[in-house]
Amino acid sequence: MARHDKIKTPARTGRSSTRQVCGILSRGVKAVRDIRTAGPFCYRYRLDDAELLVSVKALGVLMPVVVTNDERPVVIAGHKRFHAAQVLKMKEIPVLVTAEMESKDAFLLNLVSNWKQGVSDMDRARAIGMAVREFHFKEKELFSMVMPLLGLSEDKAVLEFYQKADQFPRSFKDLVEDGQLPLRGVPSFLKFSGDDQDYFAKNIGMKVKLTSSQLLQAGEWLLDLMKGTGKCLRELCKEHGILAKLDMRGMDPRTKADRFFARVKRLRFPGYSLYLEAFEERRADILRDAKELRLEPVQGFEEPGFELHARVKSPGELDRLLQKLSVKRSSLNSLFEIVL
């Protein structure tokens, strides 16, 4: 077994995250089959990289993979390149063989090798989780060394967010990695149970395309509903038909998202649902003879009033529209009487 717990390290020099962490013993090539496919230093959430695969297929591995000085070396840095070489069934790969070093320093070397490169948020979450669990970095070390190398600010709230994000179930993290669930909208889901996170990912997140704001608000509202009723997300969705029409063929994911969001909103704010029903009834009467008008409740539903939109192409159309509005004046006034 490779010596990961003590892989002699050079003297450490201060707090800088760009400190020297290794010495190179040799440079050359090694057989891909002789390198261990699994190791403790890979923090990449996914190793598949289509663009890198095309490049390696055309040009080979241009930058050597960094490996340990073991009989069966372990990859320290360059896991995506090594994976591409495996996929393409390459026989040899260029390597840099390191001197022995502590496993913590080997992990830092991996972070340094990817500094300012393409690192996803799930890569960051996994790296921070590994730094704590596997390599036992203290909080001060996370702030001074690990987080800067991941492009993160040295902030406790940021650290806690990524630590919790690393605990999402795989189904949820896959959607974040794919951009299906925008990271800015997931904080409220950190408070969900693992089962509820998984249920949301598989039954809702995969089918809709929520904006960051919609995802954040829907998560907060669902959390309130679950706390208020004592029900899990599965029970809540089944009892209130929250998932109705999310499986309709041909419907755009954004349209599904809007319908899902409206359904959760009405469930969380039942008074608003009654308001919308009354508004819709009166709107239908007002617009019956004014098809060129668009009448909507105020988007910020905490506010009273309504939004009135019209498109007119001539002074004559404007005169006719104003005449219609005059006739509908009492009905329009009645919209102000609907209480949320």
Protein backbone atom coordinates (compact mmCIF):
# COMPACT_ATOMS: atom_id res chain seq x y z
CA MET A 1 0.00 0.00 0.00
CA ALA A 2 1.31 3.46 -0.85
CA ARG A 3 2.57 5.54 2.06
CA HIS A 4 -0.01 8.31 2.19
CA ASP A 5 0.35 9.17 5.87
CA LYS A 6 3.98 10.17 5.32
CA ILE A 7 4.50 10.83 1.61
CA LYS A 8 9.40 13.97 4.53
CA THR A 9 8.34 17.35 3.55
CA PRO A 10 10.57 20.37 3.08
CA ALA A 11 10.57 22.90 5.89
CA ARG A 12 7.30 24.83 5.96
CA THR A 13 7.61 28.52 5.33
CA GLY A 14 4.90 30.65 6.89
CA ARG A 15 1.16 30.83 6.12
CA SER A 16 1.34 31.38 2.39
CA SER A 17 -0.80 28.95 0.40
CA THR A 18 1.80 28.99 -2.37
CA ARG A 19 4.55 27.60 -0.15
CA GLN A 20 6.85 24.91 -1.56
CA VAL A 21 5.36 21.55 -0.67
CA CYS A 22 7.44 19.07 -2.62
CA GLY A 23 10.64 18.24 -4.40
CA ILE A 24 10.74 16.48 -7.76
CA LEU A 25 12.88 13.33 -7.86
CA SER A 26 12.55 12.55 -11.53
CA ARG A 27 10.71 13.27 -14.73
CA GLY A 28 9.82 10.61 -17.27
CA VAL A 29 7.06 8.29 -18.39
CA LYS A 30 5.25 5.47 -16.67
CA ALA A 31 2.88 2.79 -17.84
CA VAL A 32 -0.70 3.84 -17.20
CA ARG A 33 -1.54 0.37 -15.91
CA ASP A 34 1.19 0.66 -13.25
CA ILE A 35 -0.36 3.77 -11.68
CA ARG A 36 -3.02 3.27 -9.03
CA THR A 37 -6.43 4.29 -10.32
CA ALA A 38 -7.71 5.22 -6.87
CA GLY A 39 -6.02 7.56 -4.42
CA PRO A 40 -6.77 9.89 -1.55
CA PHE A 41 -5.94 13.21 -3.22
CA CYS A 42 -8.58 13.60 -5.95
CA TYR A 43 -11.16 16.22 -5.03
CA ARG A 44 -12.69 16.51 -8.50
CA TYR A 45 -16.42 15.86 -8.37
CA ARG A 46 -16.28 14.46 -11.88
CA LEU A 47 -13.30 13.33 -13.91
CA ASP A 48 -14.97 13.29 -17.33
CA ASP A 49 -13.99 16.36 -19.37
CA ALA A 50 -15.05 16.29 -23.02
CA GLU A 51 -12.77 19.15 -24.14
CA LEU A 52 -9.76 17.68 -22.37
CA LEU A 53 -10.47 14.28 -23.91
CA VAL A 54 -10.44 15.78 -27.41
CA SER A 55 -7.16 17.56 -26.66
CA VAL A 56 -5.47 14.46 -25.23
CA LYS A 57 -6.65 12.37 -28.16
CA ALA A 58 -5.17 14.85 -30.62
CA LEU A 59 -2.00 15.96 -28.82
CA GLY A 60 -1.41 13.51 -25.99
CA VAL A 61 -0.88 14.48 -22.37
CA LEU A 62 1.17 17.67 -22.60
CA MET A 63 1.53 18.40 -18.88
CA PRO A 64 2.98 15.56 -16.79
CA VAL A 65 0.90 13.99 -14.07
CA VAL A 66 2.40 14.30 -10.58
CA VAL A 67 2.71 10.96 -8.80
CA THR A 68 4.13 9.53 -5.57
CA ASN A 69 7.46 7.73 -5.38
CA ASP A 70 5.99 4.27 -4.74
CA GLU A 71 6.28 0.91 -6.43
CA ARG A 72 2.72 1.50 -7.61
CA PRO A 73 2.55 5.28 -7.68
CA VAL A 74 -0.55 7.23 -6.77
CA VAL A 75 -1.67 10.32 -8.68
CA ILE A 76 -1.25 13.48 -6.60
CA ALA A 77 -2.18 16.03 -9.28
CA GLY A 78 -3.53 15.62 -12.80
CA HIS A 79 -6.43 13.28 -12.12
CA LYS A 80 -8.45 14.48 -15.13
CA ARG A 81 -5.48 13.99 -17.46
CA PHE A 82 -4.85 10.55 -16.06
CA HIS A 83 -8.54 9.66 -16.44
CA ALA A 84 -8.49 10.82 -20.07
CA ALA A 85 -5.44 8.62 -20.70
CA GLN A 86 -7.31 5.66 -19.24
CA VAL A 87 -10.41 6.32 -21.33
CA LEU A 88 -8.28 6.54 -24.48
CA LYS A 89 -6.43 3.35 -23.46
CA MET A 90 -3.04 5.04 -23.63
CA LYS A 91 -0.15 2.80 -22.60
CA GLU A 92 2.18 5.47 -21.17
CA ILE A 93 1.85 8.91 -19.67
CA PRO A 94 4.44 11.58 -18.77
CA VAL A 95 4.94 11.96 -15.02
CA LEU A 96 6.74 13.96 -12.38
CA VAL A 97 7.75 11.76 -9.44
CA THR A 98 7.82 13.57 -6.10
CA ALA A 99 9.98 13.10 -3.05
CA GLU A 100 8.26 11.76 0.03
CA MET A 101 5.92 14.25 1.66
CA GLU A 102 3.16 14.40 4.22
CA SER A 103 -0.27 13.60 2.84
CA LYS A 104 -1.53 17.06 3.83
CA ASP A 105 1.15 18.67 1.68
CA ALA A 106 0.40 16.33 -1.21
CA PHE A 107 -3.22 17.46 -1.07
CA LEU A 108 -2.11 21.11 -1.09
CA LEU A 109 0.07 20.38 -4.10
CA ASN A 110 -2.99 19.13 -5.93
CA LEU A 111 -4.84 22.35 -5.09
CA VAL A 112 -1.86 24.45 -6.22
CA SER A 113 -1.73 22.58 -9.54
CA ASN A 114 -5.34 23.62 -10.28
CA TRP A 115 -5.07 27.18 -8.95
CA LYS A 116 -7.06 29.57 -11.18
CA GLN A 117 -8.12 26.65 -13.37
CA GLY A 118 -11.65 25.44 -13.99
CA VAL A 119 -12.93 24.36 -10.59
CA SER A 120 -16.65 23.79 -10.05
CA ASP A 121 -18.56 24.54 -6.86
CA MET A 122 -18.99 20.83 -6.22
CA ASP A 123 -15.20 20.47 -6.62
CA ARG A 124 -14.82 23.16 -3.96
CA ALA A 125 -17.29 21.50 -1.61
CA ARG A 126 -15.61 18.13 -2.02
CA ALA A 127 -12.13 19.64 -1.51
CA ILE A 128 -13.13 21.37 1.72
CA GLY A 129 -14.85 18.22 2.98
CA MET A 130 -11.74 16.15 2.23
CA ALA A 131 -9.43 18.74 3.80
CA VAL A 132 -11.34 18.40 7.07
CA ARG A 133 -12.17 14.68 7.08
CA GLU A 134 -9.18 13.09 5.42
CA PHE A 135 -6.32 15.48 6.07
CA HIS A 136 -7.44 17.13 9.31
CA PHE A 137 -6.83 20.74 8.36
CA LYS A 138 -7.67 23.14 11.18
CA GLU A 139 -9.98 26.08 10.54
CA LYS A 140 -7.06 28.53 10.48
CA GLU A 141 -5.31 26.40 7.85
CA LEU A 142 -8.48 26.21 5.79
CA PHE A 143 -8.69 30.00 5.75
CA SER A 144 -5.02 30.61 5.02
CA MET A 145 -4.23 27.80 2.58
CA VAL A 146 -7.14 25.76 1.25
CA MET A 147 -9.81 28.37 0.55
CA PRO A 148 -7.58 30.84 -1.34
CA LEU A 149 -6.44 28.03 -3.62
CA LEU A 150 -10.08 27.23 -4.38
CA GLY A 151 -10.85 30.85 -5.22
CA LEU A 152 -12.94 31.36 -2.07
CA SER A 153 -12.85 34.25 0.38
CA GLU A 154 -11.55 33.56 3.87
CA ASP A 155 -14.98 33.80 5.45
CA LYS A 156 -16.54 31.52 8.07
CA ALA A 157 -19.98 31.63 6.48
CA VAL A 158 -18.52 30.61 3.11
CA LEU A 159 -16.62 27.77 4.78
CA GLU A 160 -19.74 26.49 6.55
CA PHE A 161 -21.78 26.72 3.34
CA TYR A 162 -19.38 24.55 1.34
CA GLN A 163 -18.98 22.09 4.20
CA LYS A 164 -22.73 21.59 4.29
CA ALA A 165 -23.00 21.50 0.49
CA ASP A 166 -20.56 18.57 0.52
CA GLN A 167 -23.15 16.66 2.55
CA PHE A 168 -25.91 16.92 -0.06
CA PRO A 169 -26.93 13.52 -1.49
CA ARG A 170 -25.39 12.62 -4.82
CA SER A 171 -28.67 13.21 -6.65
CA PHE A 172 -28.76 16.83 -5.45
CA LYS A 173 -25.06 17.50 -6.08
CA ASP A 174 -25.34 16.14 -9.62
CA LEU A 175 -27.97 18.76 -10.44
CA VAL A 176 -25.85 21.55 -8.95
CA GLU A 177 -22.84 20.34 -10.93
CA ASP A 178 -24.93 20.31 -14.12
CA GLY A 179 -26.27 23.81 -13.47
CA GLN A 180 -29.83 22.52 -13.16
CA LEU A 181 -30.00 23.83 -9.59
CA PRO A 182 -28.22 27.21 -9.31
CA LEU A 183 -25.91 27.27 -6.31
CA ARG A 184 -27.15 30.69 -5.18
CA GLY A 185 -30.58 29.20 -4.63
CA VAL A 186 -29.65 26.16 -2.53
CA PRO A 187 -28.92 27.64 0.95
CA SER A 188 -32.42 26.93 2.27
CA PHE A 189 -32.05 23.27 1.20
CA LEU A 190 -29.11 22.89 3.57
CA LYS A 191 -31.76 22.73 6.32
CA PHE A 192 -33.66 19.88 4.64
CA SER A 193 -33.10 16.31 5.78
CA GLY A 194 -31.04 14.13 3.47
CA ASP A 195 -34.16 12.21 2.43
CA ASP A 196 -36.00 15.44 1.59
CA GLN A 197 -33.02 16.73 -0.40
CA ASP A 198 -32.90 13.50 -2.37
CA TYR A 199 -36.67 13.52 -2.97
CA PHE A 200 -36.56 17.12 -4.19
CA ALA A 201 -33.68 16.39 -6.56
CA LYS A 202 -35.24 13.28 -8.11
CA ASN A 203 -38.86 14.40 -8.29
CA ILE A 204 -38.66 18.17 -8.77
CA GLY A 205 -35.15 19.42 -9.50
CA MET A 206 -34.70 17.09 -12.49
CA LYS A 207 -37.94 18.26 -14.11
CA VAL A 208 -38.00 22.02 -13.66
CA LYS A 209 -35.63 24.90 -14.36
CA LEU A 210 -36.01 27.26 -11.42
CA THR A 211 -34.21 30.58 -11.25
CA SER A 212 -31.94 31.24 -8.28
CA SER A 213 -34.62 33.41 -6.68
CA GLN A 214 -37.39 30.86 -7.27
CA LEU A 215 -35.27 28.02 -5.89
CA LEU A 216 -34.33 29.98 -2.79
CA GLN A 217 -37.91 31.08 -2.05
CA ALA A 218 -39.47 27.70 -2.85
CA GLY A 219 -36.99 26.03 -0.51
CA GLU A 220 -37.84 28.43 2.30
CA TRP A 221 -41.58 27.99 1.77
CA LEU A 222 -41.37 24.19 1.62
CA LEU A 223 -39.29 24.21 4.79
CA ASP A 224 -41.92 26.36 6.54
CA LEU A 225 -44.68 24.01 5.38
CA MET A 226 -42.84 20.91 6.55
CA LYS A 227 -42.16 22.46 9.96
CA GLY A 228 -45.75 23.65 10.29
CA THR A 229 -47.34 20.33 9.35
CA GLY A 230 -44.71 17.92 10.68
CA LYS A 231 -44.71 16.17 7.31
CA CYS A 232 -41.76 15.21 5.15
CA LEU A 233 -41.52 16.58 1.61
CA ARG A 234 -42.85 13.38 0.04
CA GLU A 235 -45.98 13.47 2.22
CA LEU A 236 -46.47 17.18 1.63
CA CYS A 237 -46.24 16.84 -2.15
CA LYS A 238 -48.61 13.87 -2.21
CA GLU A 239 -51.23 15.46 0.04
CA HIS A 240 -51.36 18.77 -1.87
CA GLY A 241 -50.61 17.62 -5.40
CA ILE A 242 -47.52 19.80 -5.63
CA LEU A 243 -46.01 17.64 -8.37
CA ALA A 244 -49.11 17.69 -10.54
CA LYS A 245 -48.37 18.34 -14.23
CA LEU A 246 -44.58 18.29 -13.81
CA ASP A 247 -44.38 15.21 -16.07
CA MET A 248 -46.30 16.66 -19.01
CA ARG A 249 -44.55 15.89 -22.28
CA GLY A 250 -43.45 18.81 -24.39
CA MET A 251 -43.75 21.38 -21.62
CA ASP A 252 -40.74 23.63 -21.28
CA PRO A 253 -38.83 23.18 -17.97
CA ARG A 254 -39.19 26.90 -17.30
CA THR A 255 -42.98 26.67 -17.66
CA LYS A 256 -42.98 23.71 -15.29
CA ALA A 257 -40.87 25.74 -12.88
CA ASP A 258 -43.31 28.64 -12.94
CA ARG A 259 -46.24 26.31 -12.28
CA PHE A 260 -44.43 24.53 -9.47
CA PHE A 261 -43.39 27.83 -7.91
CA ALA A 262 -46.95 29.20 -8.09
CA ARG A 263 -48.33 26.03 -6.52
CA VAL A 264 -45.91 26.17 -3.58
CA LYS A 265 -46.55 29.89 -3.18
CA ARG A 266 -50.30 29.37 -2.95
CA LEU A 267 -49.87 26.56 -0.48
CA ARG A 268 -47.59 28.65 1.71
CA PHE A 269 -49.82 31.71 1.49
CA PRO A 270 -53.44 30.46 1.37
CA GLY A 271 -54.80 33.99 1.80
CA TYR A 272 -52.99 34.95 -1.37
CA SER A 273 -54.65 32.04 -3.15
CA LEU A 274 -58.08 33.39 -2.26
CA TYR A 275 -56.95 36.83 -3.39
CA LEU A 276 -55.88 35.44 -6.77
CA GLU A 277 -59.18 33.61 -7.23
CA ALA A 278 -61.16 36.78 -6.55
CA PHE A 279 -58.80 38.80 -8.74
CA GLU A 280 -59.13 36.32 -11.61
CA GLU A 281 -62.93 36.38 -11.45
CA ARG A 282 -63.09 40.17 -11.63
CA ARG A 283 -60.32 40.38 -14.22
CA ALA A 284 -62.26 38.10 -16.57
CA ASP A 285 -65.24 40.46 -16.41
CA ILE A 286 -63.11 43.58 -16.94
CA LEU A 287 -61.24 42.19 -19.95
CA ARG A 288 -64.24 40.65 -21.65
CA ASP A 289 -64.57 43.63 -24.03
CA ALA A 290 -60.99 44.87 -23.81
CA LYS A 291 -58.77 42.16 -25.26
CA GLU A 292 -55.93 44.63 -25.89
CA LEU A 293 -55.48 45.07 -22.13
CA ARG A 294 -53.40 42.96 -19.78
CA LEU A 295 -54.36 43.09 -16.12
CA GLU A 296 -52.14 41.44 -13.50
CA PRO A 297 -51.80 41.44 -9.70
CA VAL A 298 -48.72 43.24 -8.40
CA GLN A 299 -45.73 40.91 -8.66
CA GLY A 300 -44.62 41.67 -5.12
CA PHE A 301 -47.69 39.97 -3.68
CA GLU A 302 -47.35 41.69 -0.32
CA GLU A 303 -48.32 44.96 -2.03
CA PRO A 304 -51.89 46.00 -2.90
CA GLY A 305 -53.10 47.15 -6.29
CA PHE A 306 -52.72 45.83 -9.81
CA GLU A 307 -50.69 46.28 -12.99
CA LEU A 308 -52.45 47.46 -16.13
CA HIS A 309 -50.72 47.05 -19.50
CA ALA A 310 -51.95 47.99 -22.96
CA ARG A 311 -50.51 48.36 -26.45
CA VAL A 312 -52.08 50.95 -28.71
CA LYS A 313 -50.99 51.82 -32.26
CA SER A 314 -52.93 55.00 -32.95
CA PRO A 315 -54.72 57.88 -31.23
CA GLY A 316 -58.01 56.30 -32.28
CA GLU A 317 -57.17 53.06 -30.49
CA LEU A 318 -56.21 55.05 -27.42
CA ASP A 319 -59.52 56.92 -27.43
CA ARG A 320 -61.47 53.68 -27.69
CA LEU A 321 -59.41 52.10 -24.90
CA LEU A 322 -59.95 55.05 -22.56
CA GLN A 323 -63.66 54.87 -23.25
CA LYS A 324 -63.70 51.17 -22.31
CA LEU A 325 -61.76 51.89 -19.14
CA SER A 326 -64.23 54.59 -18.22
CA VAL A 327 -67.08 52.13 -18.51
CA LYS A 328 -65.12 49.61 -16.40
CA ARG A 329 -64.15 52.18 -13.75
CA SER A 330 -66.25 50.69 -10.95
CA SER A 331 -64.98 47.17 -11.69
CA LEU A 332 -61.38 48.40 -11.64
CA ASN A 333 -62.01 50.15 -8.32
CA SER A 334 -63.32 46.90 -6.90
CA LEU A 335 -59.86 45.34 -7.37
CA PHE A 336 -58.57 47.60 -4.60
CA GLU A 337 -61.16 46.13 -2.24
CA ILE A 338 -59.80 42.58 -2.43
CA VAL A 339 -57.98 41.89 0.82
CA LEU A 340 -54.89 39.63 0.91
